[in-house]
Amino acid sequence: MVATASQSNLAGLPRRLVQDGIVSEEQLQDATESAKKERMPLIAYLVSESLANARAVAVAASHEFGVPLLDLDAVEIDVDVTRAVDQKLITKHRVLPLVKRGQRIFLGIADPTNLQAIDDIKFATSLRVDPVVVEQDKLEERINRAIEAVDTSMGGLDDDDFDLENLDVGGEEQEDEIQKDDVEDAPVVRFVNKVLLDAIKRGASDVHFEPYEKIFRVRTRLDGVLSEVATPPVVLANKVCARLKVMSRMDIAERRVPQDGRIKMRLSKNRAIDFRVNTCPTLFGEKIVLRILDPSSAKLGIEMLGYEDHQRMLYEKHLAKPYGMILVTGPTGSGKTVSLYTGLNILNTADRNISTAEDPAEINLPGINQVNVNPKVGLTFASALKAFLRQDPDVIMVGEIRDLETAEIAIKAAQTGHLVLSTLHTNDAPKTLTRMVDMGVKPYAIATSVSLIIAQRLARRLCNNCKEVKDIPREALEKEGFTAEELDDGVTIFGPKDKGCKQCNNGYKGRLGIFQVMEVSETMGRIIMEGGNAMQIAEQAALEGVIDLRRAGLNKVKDGVTSLEEVNRVTIE
């Protein structure tokens, strides 16, 4: 039934929306008042608050005013066309230049009655402006993408962008003595800040600045996969490098040896993001890699990491013990630090003294005494541990056990009434025990101190919005490791949609942990003391119901949260 609009109160597009039954008159009046208060256009408010369907509004506007309707998904926007209109006008009026033909420019607009936008752009560009109606939600997304494309291509950096230029990035030391032409060039400053902010927004873990002979490439690692985000002119490589080195308080004159530094970027009064920075000299300049350290990742809570229920209970059980050693193993970038800090966050109470030795400290947590090891001055993991034991500790975290001395002190601490958490580079949990024997640690010391070992990997999480059911033959699934019983019961295998959707990155969004959580039992301790190998320990673990990484990965595939390809990528040795 078509709604009847009050002729006295409503006119134009609002009246049409009510007549077409898209919104009620009462809803429209309330929305109009709320939109005024929030200083938002009415259409934008209706769509953002889910009061009206964006497609229905666009169709109604097109019919009412005789303006052509365009689906933005069907067109690719040229960056050069976006540059034809000042970004400030695009941002102010929330419109998008679509196509330029001679002295005409076609303008994507959600509300054709926004004559102010059309007039302002006509005046600024001296072009004839032809409005084209587009859907509000798609318009917002495309505006953000278009502005981002302009910014990262270095094309629009001449505008006065005070936010990007004056972004608070840690630098307590004076920059007066630095070569200012290299590091205070406004476009370079804004470009670097823009790349870092975009990486934070997208949820990237690393940013790579890579100079080559003829190109200068910027890549980000999102969900464990690298992708190119910008290719600024190669002549800017040294300036960008100098800027990053000043931000991270490095010696910009030293280009022959690797350097480490840190950047603190304040996004607001309450939120700051740290970057760990490393430079490495290459043939054509210094490659700089930034690791994004977000303290909020350690506060996600243990439920968010991807542990199965029995695995989580084991971890919590051993965290509650007053002494013993918990080891987390896995390759670089497998989330070991987040697992450890999630545990430390649980333990971080006023009645516990917690000390950590790291190289360097990646996540800052109030209430925990964190020490950066510095071998140059003699502050090694071993010497830091010795100092901790004289500091009345309850919980000790060692960033990594790399040598016999560190291992022995850590084990001694675990045996003398302290809870010790640390990491080790091994492929799975059983191999961790034999790796420590190989380092020279006495088997009986391992058997009596190590209480829990967690091996982990990170796999990309399937996008819930666009994941698809994959048809895989039974024989292939059996070969991958699924049991006949599972297949008889019925297993639905999901995979990523080709090219993904708007909400994800090629069919994946975020990452989840795949874990092998192994409690060191008396039998395993006996195997170690008798000189047993990793295979014997693995067999015993299987008898005790410990699932290996492969099995844990297949369980995640069964649950529909990741794909078989991802599990194969991270668990096949």
Protein backbone atom coordinates (compact mmCIF):
# COMPACT_ATOMS: atom_id res chain seq x y z
CA MET A 1 0.00 0.00 0.00
CA VAL A 2 1.39 3.39 -1.00
CA ALA A 3 1.74 5.87 1.84
CA THR A 4 0.19 9.33 1.56
CA ALA A 5 2.40 12.27 2.30
CA SER A 6 1.25 15.51 3.88
CA GLN A 7 1.52 18.06 1.07
CA SER A 8 1.98 20.96 3.46
CA ASN A 9 5.01 19.52 5.22
CA LEU A 10 6.88 17.60 2.56
CA ALA A 11 8.09 18.41 -0.92
CA GLY A 12 10.55 17.13 -3.48
CA LEU A 13 12.50 13.99 -2.67
CA PRO A 14 11.23 13.54 0.95
CA ARG A 15 7.65 13.54 -0.37
CA ARG A 16 8.57 10.98 -3.03
CA LEU A 17 10.19 8.70 -0.40
CA VAL A 18 6.99 8.74 1.65
CA GLN A 19 4.74 8.23 -1.41
CA ASP A 20 6.81 5.21 -2.50
CA GLY A 21 6.55 3.71 0.98
CA ILE A 22 10.33 3.76 1.53
CA VAL A 23 9.95 5.59 4.88
CA SER A 24 6.97 6.75 6.91
CA GLU A 25 6.22 10.45 7.35
CA GLU A 26 6.91 10.21 11.09
CA GLN A 27 10.26 8.52 10.49
CA LEU A 28 11.16 11.17 7.93
CA GLN A 29 10.35 14.06 10.25
CA ASP A 30 12.38 12.52 13.09
CA ALA A 31 15.25 11.77 10.71
CA THR A 32 15.21 15.35 9.37
CA GLU A 33 15.61 16.74 12.90
CA SER A 34 18.32 14.25 13.84
CA ALA A 35 20.21 14.87 10.58
CA LYS A 36 20.19 18.63 11.29
CA LYS A 37 21.54 18.07 14.79
CA GLU A 38 24.34 15.85 13.48
CA ARG A 39 24.94 18.15 10.49
CA MET A 40 24.42 15.31 8.03
CA PRO A 41 22.54 15.28 4.72
CA LEU A 42 19.12 13.66 5.12
CA ILE A 43 19.80 10.85 2.61
CA ALA A 44 23.13 10.01 4.28
CA TYR A 45 21.41 9.86 7.67
CA LEU A 46 18.54 7.64 6.44
CA VAL A 47 20.94 5.12 4.87
CA SER A 48 23.56 5.12 7.68
CA GLU A 49 20.84 4.48 10.30
CA SER A 50 19.27 1.72 8.14
CA LEU A 51 15.98 3.64 7.99
CA ALA A 52 15.88 3.41 4.19
CA ASN A 53 17.35 1.14 1.53
CA ALA A 54 20.08 2.95 -0.45
CA ARG A 55 19.01 1.39 -3.78
CA ALA A 56 15.33 2.31 -3.27
CA VAL A 57 16.25 5.92 -2.39
CA ALA A 58 18.45 6.23 -5.50
CA VAL A 59 15.69 4.86 -7.78
CA ALA A 60 13.15 7.27 -6.23
CA ALA A 61 15.49 10.26 -6.69
CA SER A 62 16.18 9.29 -10.29
CA HIS A 63 12.47 9.05 -11.14
CA GLU A 64 11.51 12.21 -9.26
CA PHE A 65 14.03 14.50 -10.93
CA GLY A 66 14.64 12.75 -14.23
CA VAL A 67 18.34 12.29 -13.46
CA PRO A 68 20.12 9.16 -14.79
CA LEU A 69 20.85 6.35 -12.31
CA LEU A 70 24.23 4.57 -12.22
CA ASP A 71 25.44 1.47 -10.35
CA LEU A 72 28.92 2.34 -9.08
CA ASP A 73 29.90 -1.33 -9.01
CA ALA A 74 29.79 -1.31 -12.81
CA VAL A 75 32.40 1.43 -13.32
CA GLU A 76 36.06 2.03 -12.49
CA ILE A 77 36.88 5.55 -11.36
CA ASP A 78 39.97 7.14 -12.94
CA VAL A 79 42.29 8.82 -10.40
CA ASP A 80 42.90 11.70 -12.86
CA VAL A 81 39.16 12.48 -12.91
CA THR A 82 39.09 12.57 -9.10
CA ARG A 83 42.03 14.99 -9.16
CA ALA A 84 40.05 17.36 -11.40
CA VAL A 85 37.99 18.39 -8.35
CA ASP A 86 39.51 19.70 -5.11
CA GLN A 87 39.46 16.96 -2.44
CA LYS A 88 38.06 19.45 0.06
CA LEU A 89 34.95 19.89 -2.09
CA ILE A 90 34.56 16.11 -2.53
CA THR A 91 34.86 15.59 1.22
CA LYS A 92 32.61 18.54 2.09
CA HIS A 93 29.71 17.69 -0.25
CA ARG A 94 30.24 13.87 -0.38
CA VAL A 95 30.10 13.73 -4.17
CA LEU A 96 32.32 11.89 -6.65
CA PRO A 97 33.57 12.95 -10.11
CA LEU A 98 32.88 9.99 -12.41
CA VAL A 99 33.82 10.88 -15.99
CA LYS A 100 35.22 13.98 -17.72
CA ARG A 101 34.29 14.60 -21.36
CA GLY A 102 35.71 17.84 -22.82
CA GLN A 103 34.16 20.68 -20.82
CA ARG A 104 31.63 18.40 -19.04
CA ILE A 105 32.10 16.45 -15.87
CA PHE A 106 29.63 13.82 -14.66
CA LEU A 107 29.15 13.97 -10.89
CA GLY A 108 28.00 11.01 -8.76
CA ILE A 109 25.55 12.34 -6.16
CA ALA A 110 23.06 10.69 -3.79
CA ASP A 111 20.73 13.71 -3.57
CA PRO A 112 20.16 15.65 -6.84
CA THR A 113 18.66 18.56 -4.84
CA ASN A 114 22.11 19.34 -3.44
CA LEU A 115 22.49 22.32 -5.77
CA GLN A 116 25.16 23.89 -3.57
CA ALA A 117 27.55 21.02 -4.39
CA ILE A 118 26.87 21.30 -8.13
CA ASP A 119 27.36 25.11 -8.08
CA ASP A 120 30.58 24.94 -6.00
CA ILE A 121 32.17 22.36 -8.31
CA LYS A 122 31.01 24.26 -11.42
CA PHE A 123 32.65 27.43 -10.04
CA ALA A 124 35.88 25.67 -8.94
CA THR A 125 36.44 23.72 -12.17
CA SER A 126 34.82 26.03 -14.77
CA LEU A 127 33.22 22.90 -16.21
CA ARG A 128 29.61 22.02 -16.92
CA VAL A 129 28.43 19.66 -14.19
CA ASP A 130 25.94 16.86 -15.01
CA PRO A 131 24.60 15.06 -11.91
CA VAL A 132 24.18 11.27 -11.91
CA VAL A 133 22.25 9.58 -9.08
CA VAL A 134 24.16 6.83 -7.23
CA GLU A 135 23.48 4.79 -4.11
CA GLN A 136 24.53 6.51 -0.88
CA ASP A 137 26.39 3.54 0.69
CA LYS A 138 28.34 2.77 -2.49
CA LEU A 139 29.09 6.48 -2.93
CA GLU A 140 30.65 6.75 0.55
CA GLU A 141 32.84 3.72 -0.04
CA ARG A 142 33.96 4.93 -3.48
CA ILE A 143 34.76 8.45 -2.20
CA ASN A 144 37.05 7.00 0.48
CA ARG A 145 38.73 4.69 -2.06
CA ALA A 146 39.18 7.47 -4.60
CA ILE A 147 40.73 9.90 -2.10
CA GLU A 148 43.01 7.14 -0.82
CA ALA A 149 44.13 6.36 -4.39
CA VAL A 150 44.93 10.03 -4.98
CA ASP A 151 46.86 10.33 -1.73
CA THR A 152 48.97 7.18 -2.08
CA SER A 153 49.87 7.98 -5.67
CA MET A 154 51.49 11.23 -4.45
CA GLY A 155 49.25 13.23 -6.76
CA GLY A 156 47.26 15.27 -4.31
CA LEU A 157 49.91 16.07 -1.75
CA ASP A 158 50.16 19.75 -2.62
CA ASP A 159 46.99 20.52 -0.71
CA ASP A 160 47.23 21.86 2.81
CA ASP A 161 46.51 18.77 4.87
CA PHE A 162 47.31 19.90 8.35
CA ASP A 163 46.30 16.65 10.02
CA LEU A 164 48.77 14.59 8.04
CA GLU A 165 51.47 17.23 8.22
CA ASN A 166 51.25 17.79 11.95
CA LEU A 167 50.51 14.26 13.07
CA ASP A 168 52.04 13.57 16.49
CA VAL A 169 54.78 11.01 15.87
CA GLY A 170 57.19 10.41 18.74
CA GLY A 171 60.27 12.53 18.67
CA GLU A 172 61.33 14.01 21.94
CA GLU A 173 64.80 14.74 20.64
CA GLN A 174 65.61 17.86 18.65
CA GLU A 175 65.56 17.68 14.86
CA ASP A 176 67.24 21.04 14.32
CA GLU A 177 70.59 19.58 13.38
CA ILE A 178 69.15 17.19 10.81
CA GLN A 179 69.20 17.90 7.05
CA LYS A 180 65.83 19.63 6.92
CA ASP A 181 65.48 19.55 3.16
CA ASP A 182 65.34 15.75 3.36
CA VAL A 183 63.05 15.25 6.29
CA GLU A 184 60.74 18.26 6.47
CA ASP A 185 59.64 18.31 2.85
CA ALA A 186 55.86 18.66 3.41
CA PRO A 187 54.70 16.23 0.68
CA VAL A 188 57.10 13.57 1.96
CA VAL A 189 55.94 14.06 5.56
CA ARG A 190 52.30 13.76 4.51
CA PHE A 191 52.97 10.75 2.29
CA VAL A 192 54.74 8.81 5.06
CA ASN A 193 52.02 9.66 7.60
CA LYS A 194 49.32 8.70 5.10
CA VAL A 195 50.91 5.28 4.40
CA LEU A 196 51.23 4.56 8.14
CA LEU A 197 47.66 5.65 8.91
CA ASP A 198 46.27 3.57 6.05
CA ALA A 199 48.20 0.54 7.28
CA ILE A 200 46.69 0.98 10.76
CA LYS A 201 43.16 1.41 9.34
CA ARG A 202 43.45 -1.71 7.19
CA GLY A 203 44.78 -3.77 10.12
CA ALA A 204 48.17 -4.48 8.52
CA SER A 205 50.98 -6.01 10.57
CA ASP A 206 54.01 -4.72 8.62
CA VAL A 207 54.92 -1.94 6.18
CA HIS A 208 57.85 -2.36 3.75
CA PHE A 209 59.62 0.56 2.03
CA GLU A 210 61.78 -0.99 -0.70
CA PRO A 211 64.13 0.94 -3.01
CA TYR A 212 65.22 -0.67 -6.30
CA GLU A 213 67.20 0.63 -9.27
CA LYS A 214 64.22 2.03 -11.20
CA ILE A 215 61.28 1.75 -8.81
CA PHE A 216 60.46 2.54 -5.18
CA ARG A 217 57.83 0.19 -3.78
CA VAL A 218 55.67 0.35 -0.65
CA ARG A 219 54.02 -2.90 0.50
CA THR A 220 51.90 -3.86 3.50
CA ARG A 221 51.35 -7.27 5.04
CA LEU A 222 47.67 -7.88 5.65
CA ASP A 223 46.56 -11.16 7.20
CA GLY A 224 50.02 -12.59 6.60
CA VAL A 225 50.11 -11.78 2.85
CA LEU A 226 52.14 -8.92 1.30
CA SER A 227 50.53 -6.61 -1.26
CA GLU A 228 51.72 -3.46 -3.02
CA VAL A 229 49.99 -0.22 -1.95
CA ALA A 230 52.03 2.56 -3.56
CA THR A 231 54.88 3.21 -6.01
CA PRO A 232 56.13 6.76 -5.36
CA PRO A 233 58.84 8.22 -7.64
CA VAL A 234 62.24 6.59 -7.09
CA VAL A 235 63.87 10.02 -6.49
CA LEU A 236 61.91 10.23 -3.22
CA ALA A 237 63.38 7.02 -1.79
CA ASN A 238 66.19 8.78 0.13
CA LYS A 239 63.85 11.49 1.43
CA VAL A 240 61.26 8.96 2.65
CA CYS A 241 64.06 6.91 4.23
CA ALA A 242 65.49 9.99 5.99
CA ARG A 243 62.04 10.95 7.26
CA LEU A 244 61.40 7.48 8.71
CA LYS A 245 64.85 7.44 10.36
CA VAL A 246 64.25 10.80 12.02
CA MET A 247 60.81 9.68 13.24
CA SER A 248 62.38 6.57 14.78
CA ARG A 249 65.38 8.48 16.21
CA MET A 250 68.06 6.78 14.17
CA ASP A 251 71.30 8.19 12.83
CA ILE A 252 70.37 9.39 9.33
CA ALA A 253 74.01 9.75 8.34
CA GLU A 254 74.70 6.05 8.96
CA ARG A 255 73.69 4.04 5.89
CA ARG A 256 76.19 1.17 6.02
CA VAL A 257 74.84 -0.94 8.90
CA PRO A 258 71.34 -2.02 9.99
CA GLN A 259 69.64 0.09 12.64
CA ASP A 260 66.70 -0.42 14.99
CA GLY A 261 64.30 2.21 16.17
CA ARG A 262 60.77 2.89 17.33
CA ILE A 263 57.96 5.29 16.39
CA LYS A 264 55.02 6.23 18.60
CA MET A 265 52.08 7.64 16.64
CA ARG A 266 49.33 9.29 18.67
CA LEU A 267 45.96 8.84 16.99
CA SER A 268 44.01 10.44 19.81
CA LYS A 269 44.39 11.29 23.49
CA ASN A 270 43.58 7.74 24.46
CA ARG A 271 45.13 5.70 21.65
CA ALA A 272 48.70 5.47 20.42
CA ILE A 273 50.25 2.95 18.03
CA ASP A 274 53.89 1.90 18.25
CA PHE A 275 55.97 0.90 15.24
CA ARG A 276 59.15 -1.17 15.53
CA VAL A 277 61.48 0.02 12.77
CA ASN A 278 64.44 -1.73 11.17
CA THR A 279 66.68 -0.54 8.36
CA CYS A 280 68.82 -2.78 6.19
CA PRO A 281 71.29 -1.52 3.53
CA THR A 282 70.58 -2.90 0.04
CA LEU A 283 72.16 -2.32 -3.39
CA PHE A 284 70.01 0.74 -4.13
CA GLY A 285 69.47 2.27 -0.71
CA GLU A 286 68.08 1.24 2.65
CA LYS A 287 65.06 -1.02 2.92
CA ILE A 288 62.94 -0.08 5.93
CA VAL A 289 60.42 -2.42 7.53
CA LEU A 290 57.97 -1.26 10.19
CA ARG A 291 56.18 -3.73 12.45
CA ILE A 292 52.90 -2.30 13.76
CA LEU A 293 52.52 -2.97 17.47
CA ASP A 294 48.97 -2.46 18.64
CA PRO A 295 48.63 -2.84 22.45
CA SER A 296 44.92 -3.58 22.03
CA SER A 297 45.79 -6.93 20.38
CA ALA A 298 46.96 -8.27 23.74
CA LYS A 299 43.68 -7.27 25.34
CA LEU A 300 41.42 -9.17 22.98
CA GLY A 301 40.90 -11.89 25.55
CA ILE A 302 41.88 -15.53 25.33
CA GLU A 303 38.49 -16.46 23.77
CA MET A 304 39.31 -14.42 20.64
CA LEU A 305 42.61 -16.13 19.81
CA GLY A 306 41.09 -19.32 18.36
CA TYR A 307 41.84 -21.89 21.12
CA GLU A 308 39.47 -24.81 21.28
CA ASP A 309 37.69 -25.11 24.64
CA HIS A 310 39.90 -27.86 26.11
CA GLN A 311 43.06 -26.05 24.88
CA ARG A 312 41.99 -22.80 26.47
CA MET A 313 41.22 -24.56 29.77
CA LEU A 314 44.69 -26.16 29.78
CA TYR A 315 46.37 -22.79 29.19
CA GLU A 316 44.35 -21.14 31.95
CA LYS A 317 45.02 -24.07 34.29
CA HIS A 318 48.79 -23.72 33.93
CA LEU A 319 48.67 -19.92 34.13
CA ALA A 320 47.01 -20.31 37.53
CA LYS A 321 49.90 -22.45 38.86
CA PRO A 322 52.44 -20.68 41.11
CA TYR A 323 55.47 -22.17 39.34
CA GLY A 324 56.51 -24.04 36.21
CA MET A 325 57.37 -23.14 32.64
CA ILE A 326 55.03 -22.44 29.73
CA LEU A 327 56.67 -22.45 26.29
CA VAL A 328 55.11 -21.04 23.11
CA THR A 329 56.70 -22.17 19.85
CA GLY A 330 56.28 -21.39 16.18
CA PRO A 331 57.92 -19.54 13.28
CA THR A 332 58.30 -15.75 13.05
CA GLY A 333 54.94 -14.01 12.71
CA SER A 334 52.88 -16.86 14.13
CA GLY A 335 51.41 -14.81 16.98
CA LYS A 336 53.60 -16.12 19.83
CA THR A 337 53.94 -12.67 21.42
CA VAL A 338 50.17 -12.06 21.42
CA SER A 339 49.58 -15.49 23.03
CA LEU A 340 52.13 -14.75 25.75
CA TYR A 341 50.83 -11.25 26.40
CA THR A 342 47.25 -12.49 26.56
CA GLY A 343 48.42 -14.83 29.33
CA LEU A 344 50.34 -12.01 31.05
CA ASN A 345 47.24 -9.83 30.86
CA ILE A 346 45.32 -12.50 32.81
CA LEU A 347 48.12 -12.64 35.40
CA ASN A 348 48.54 -8.85 35.60
CA THR A 349 47.02 -8.15 39.02
CA ALA A 350 48.16 -5.91 41.88
CA ASP A 351 49.40 -8.87 43.96
CA ARG A 352 51.87 -10.16 41.34
CA ASN A 353 55.31 -8.85 40.36
CA ILE A 354 55.76 -9.50 36.62
CA SER A 355 59.03 -8.85 34.77
CA THR A 356 59.76 -9.40 31.06
CA ALA A 357 62.98 -9.40 29.02
CA GLU A 358 62.40 -8.86 25.30
CA ASP A 359 64.25 -7.98 22.12
CA PRO A 360 62.58 -5.47 21.87
CA ALA A 361 59.38 -5.10 23.94
CA GLU A 362 56.61 -5.15 21.33
CA ILE A 363 53.52 -4.44 23.40
CA ASN A 364 53.47 -1.98 26.31
CA LEU A 365 51.34 -3.11 29.23
CA PRO A 366 50.95 -0.99 32.40
CA GLY A 367 51.71 -2.99 35.54
CA ILE A 368 54.42 -5.13 33.90
CA ASN A 369 58.13 -4.35 34.25
CA GLN A 370 59.48 -4.62 30.71
CA VAL A 371 63.17 -4.68 29.84
CA ASN A 372 64.70 -4.35 26.38
CA VAL A 373 67.78 -6.53 26.09
CA ASN A 374 70.84 -4.79 24.69
CA PRO A 375 73.79 -7.13 24.02
CA LYS A 376 76.01 -4.16 23.07
CA VAL A 377 76.12 -3.04 26.70
CA GLY A 378 76.05 -6.55 28.15
CA LEU A 379 72.31 -6.70 28.87
CA THR A 380 71.52 -10.14 27.48
CA PHE A 381 68.53 -12.40 28.19
CA ALA A 382 70.69 -14.29 30.69
CA SER A 383 71.86 -11.18 32.57
CA ALA A 384 68.32 -9.75 32.62
CA LEU A 385 67.03 -13.05 34.07
CA LYS A 386 69.71 -12.99 36.78
CA ALA A 387 68.63 -9.46 37.70
CA PHE A 388 64.95 -10.45 37.78
CA LEU A 389 65.62 -13.23 40.27
CA ARG A 390 66.95 -10.60 42.69
CA GLN A 391 63.85 -8.45 42.17
CA ASP A 392 61.38 -10.63 44.10
CA PRO A 393 59.47 -11.83 41.00
CA ASP A 394 56.30 -13.92 40.78
CA VAL A 395 56.09 -14.20 36.97
CA ILE A 396 58.98 -13.94 34.50
CA MET A 397 58.63 -13.69 30.73
CA VAL A 398 61.66 -14.27 28.50
CA GLY A 399 61.21 -13.09 24.92
CA GLU A 400 63.13 -16.03 23.45
CA ILE A 401 65.37 -18.83 24.71
CA ARG A 402 68.32 -18.71 22.33
CA ASP A 403 71.20 -20.26 24.22
CA LEU A 404 72.06 -22.71 26.98
CA GLU A 405 72.73 -20.07 29.64
CA THR A 406 69.30 -18.45 29.19
CA ALA A 407 67.59 -21.87 29.17
CA GLU A 408 69.33 -22.98 32.37
CA ILE A 409 68.50 -19.80 34.28
CA ALA A 410 64.86 -19.93 33.09
CA ILE A 411 64.55 -23.56 34.19
CA LYS A 412 66.16 -22.77 37.54
CA ALA A 413 63.62 -19.99 38.03
CA ALA A 414 60.76 -22.36 37.19
CA GLN A 415 62.10 -24.86 39.72
CA THR A 416 62.42 -22.31 42.50
CA GLY A 417 58.81 -21.17 42.75
CA HIS A 418 58.38 -18.82 39.76
CA LEU A 419 56.08 -19.01 36.78
CA VAL A 420 58.20 -18.63 33.62
CA LEU A 421 56.80 -17.91 30.14
CA SER A 422 58.98 -17.98 27.05
CA THR A 423 59.20 -18.73 23.32
CA LEU A 424 61.29 -21.12 21.28
CA HIS A 425 61.64 -21.63 17.53
CA THR A 426 60.50 -25.20 16.79
CA ASN A 427 57.95 -26.72 14.41
CA ASP A 428 55.69 -28.41 16.96
CA ALA A 429 55.29 -29.14 20.67
CA PRO A 430 57.07 -32.57 20.91
CA LYS A 431 60.14 -31.23 19.09
CA THR A 432 60.45 -28.46 21.68
CA LEU A 433 61.53 -30.90 24.40
CA THR A 434 64.21 -32.54 22.24
CA ARG A 435 65.36 -29.10 21.04
CA MET A 436 66.11 -28.13 24.64
CA VAL A 437 68.09 -31.36 25.11
CA ASP A 438 70.04 -30.49 21.95
CA MET A 439 70.84 -27.08 23.46
CA GLY A 440 72.51 -28.85 26.39
CA VAL A 441 69.80 -28.66 29.06
CA LYS A 442 69.76 -31.68 31.39
CA PRO A 443 66.83 -33.99 30.59
CA TYR A 444 65.72 -34.26 34.25
CA ALA A 445 65.61 -30.44 34.49
CA ILE A 446 63.30 -30.28 31.46
CA ALA A 447 61.06 -33.04 32.80
CA THR A 448 60.64 -31.35 36.18
CA SER A 449 60.19 -27.73 35.04
CA VAL A 450 58.38 -27.54 31.67
CA SER A 451 54.65 -27.92 32.33
CA LEU A 452 52.93 -26.79 29.10
CA ILE A 453 53.97 -26.31 25.47
CA ILE A 454 51.87 -24.43 22.91
CA ALA A 455 52.76 -24.70 19.20
CA GLN A 456 50.88 -22.31 16.97
CA ARG A 457 50.35 -20.97 13.48
CA LEU A 458 48.24 -18.16 12.07
CA ALA A 459 45.83 -18.84 9.23
CA ARG A 460 43.62 -16.36 7.42
CA ARG A 461 39.98 -16.32 8.49
CA LEU A 462 37.32 -16.72 5.79
CA CYS A 463 35.05 -13.75 5.23
CA ASN A 464 31.61 -14.56 6.69
CA ASN A 465 29.93 -12.37 4.11
CA CYS A 466 31.15 -14.09 0.93
CA LYS A 467 32.63 -17.54 1.75
CA GLU A 468 31.42 -20.31 -0.57
CA VAL A 469 30.89 -24.05 -0.25
CA LYS A 470 33.57 -25.97 -2.18
CA ASP A 471 32.89 -29.30 -3.84
CA ILE A 472 35.90 -31.53 -3.05
CA PRO A 473 35.89 -35.30 -3.79
CA ARG A 474 35.85 -37.69 -0.85
CA GLU A 475 39.18 -39.27 -1.88
CA ALA A 476 40.88 -35.87 -1.81
CA LEU A 477 39.47 -35.11 1.65
CA GLU A 478 40.67 -38.47 2.99
CA LYS A 479 44.10 -37.72 1.58
CA GLU A 480 44.09 -34.35 3.38
CA GLY A 481 43.53 -36.08 6.72
CA PHE A 482 39.77 -36.26 7.32
CA THR A 483 38.59 -39.56 8.82
CA ALA A 484 36.03 -41.86 7.21
CA GLU A 485 33.69 -41.29 10.19
CA GLU A 486 33.82 -37.50 9.69
CA LEU A 487 33.08 -37.83 5.99
CA ASP A 488 30.21 -40.26 6.64
CA ASP A 489 28.70 -37.73 9.05
CA GLY A 490 29.04 -35.07 6.37
CA VAL A 491 31.70 -32.36 6.16
CA THR A 492 30.98 -29.00 4.51
CA ILE A 493 34.16 -27.38 3.18
CA PHE A 494 34.11 -23.63 2.70
CA GLY A 495 36.55 -21.60 0.63
CA PRO A 496 37.12 -17.99 -0.40
CA LYS A 497 35.06 -16.33 -3.10
CA ASP A 498 37.17 -15.38 -6.11
CA LYS A 499 38.37 -11.75 -5.58
CA GLY A 500 36.29 -11.56 -2.36
CA CYS A 501 33.81 -8.79 -1.56
CA LYS A 502 33.84 -5.21 -0.28
CA GLN A 503 34.21 -6.32 3.31
CA CYS A 504 37.32 -8.50 2.90
CA ASN A 505 40.66 -9.04 1.22
CA ASN A 506 40.39 -11.70 -1.54
CA GLY A 507 37.89 -13.73 0.45
CA TYR A 508 39.64 -13.49 3.82
CA LYS A 509 39.23 -11.10 6.73
CA GLY A 510 41.50 -11.27 9.78
CA ARG A 511 43.42 -14.24 11.11
CA LEU A 512 42.90 -16.99 13.64
CA GLY A 513 45.28 -19.20 15.59
CA ILE A 514 45.76 -22.92 15.03
CA PHE A 515 47.12 -24.49 18.22
CA GLN A 516 48.69 -27.67 19.55
CA VAL A 517 48.53 -27.48 23.34
CA MET A 518 50.55 -30.24 25.02
CA GLU A 519 50.70 -30.78 28.77
CA VAL A 520 54.02 -32.42 29.73
CA SER A 521 52.91 -35.56 31.57
CA GLU A 522 54.97 -37.85 33.80
CA THR A 523 55.22 -40.38 30.95
CA MET A 524 56.60 -37.72 28.59
CA GLY A 525 59.08 -36.66 31.28
CA ARG A 526 60.20 -40.28 31.60
CA ILE A 527 60.67 -40.54 27.80
CA ILE A 528 62.86 -37.42 27.91
CA MET A 529 64.97 -38.71 30.79
CA GLU A 530 65.43 -42.03 29.00
CA GLY A 531 66.79 -40.22 25.95
CA GLY A 532 63.67 -40.60 23.82
CA ASN A 533 63.17 -38.69 20.57
CA ALA A 534 60.46 -36.33 19.30
CA MET A 535 58.56 -39.12 17.51
CA GLN A 536 58.17 -41.10 20.75
CA ILE A 537 56.94 -37.98 22.54
CA ALA A 538 54.51 -37.28 19.67
CA GLU A 539 53.15 -40.84 19.90
CA GLN A 540 52.65 -40.47 23.65
CA ALA A 541 50.96 -37.10 23.13
CA ALA A 542 48.55 -38.69 20.64
CA LEU A 543 47.75 -41.43 23.18
CA GLU A 544 46.97 -38.72 25.74
CA GLY A 545 44.54 -37.05 23.34
CA VAL A 546 46.73 -34.12 22.23
CA ILE A 547 45.79 -33.08 18.71
CA ASP A 548 48.62 -31.99 16.41
CA LEU A 549 48.68 -28.77 14.37
CA ARG A 550 47.38 -30.50 11.25
CA ARG A 551 44.38 -31.93 13.08
CA ALA A 552 43.71 -28.58 14.79
CA GLY A 553 43.73 -26.94 11.35
CA LEU A 554 41.29 -29.50 9.90
CA ASN A 555 38.95 -28.86 12.85
CA LYS A 556 38.94 -25.17 11.87
CA VAL A 557 38.11 -26.18 8.26
CA LYS A 558 35.22 -28.34 9.57
CA ASP A 559 33.96 -25.35 11.57
CA GLY A 560 33.92 -23.30 8.34
CA VAL A 561 36.20 -20.53 9.69
CA THR A 562 39.16 -21.12 7.35
CA SER A 563 39.92 -22.87 4.07
CA LEU A 564 41.77 -26.08 3.29
CA GLU A 565 44.28 -24.06 1.22
CA GLU A 566 45.13 -21.93 4.25
CA VAL A 567 45.61 -24.93 6.52
CA ASN A 568 47.86 -26.53 3.90
CA ARG A 569 49.85 -23.29 3.66
CA VAL A 570 50.61 -23.07 7.37
CA THR A 571 50.74 -26.72 8.55
CA ILE A 572 52.36 -28.80 5.78
CA GLU A 573 56.08 -29.10 6.51
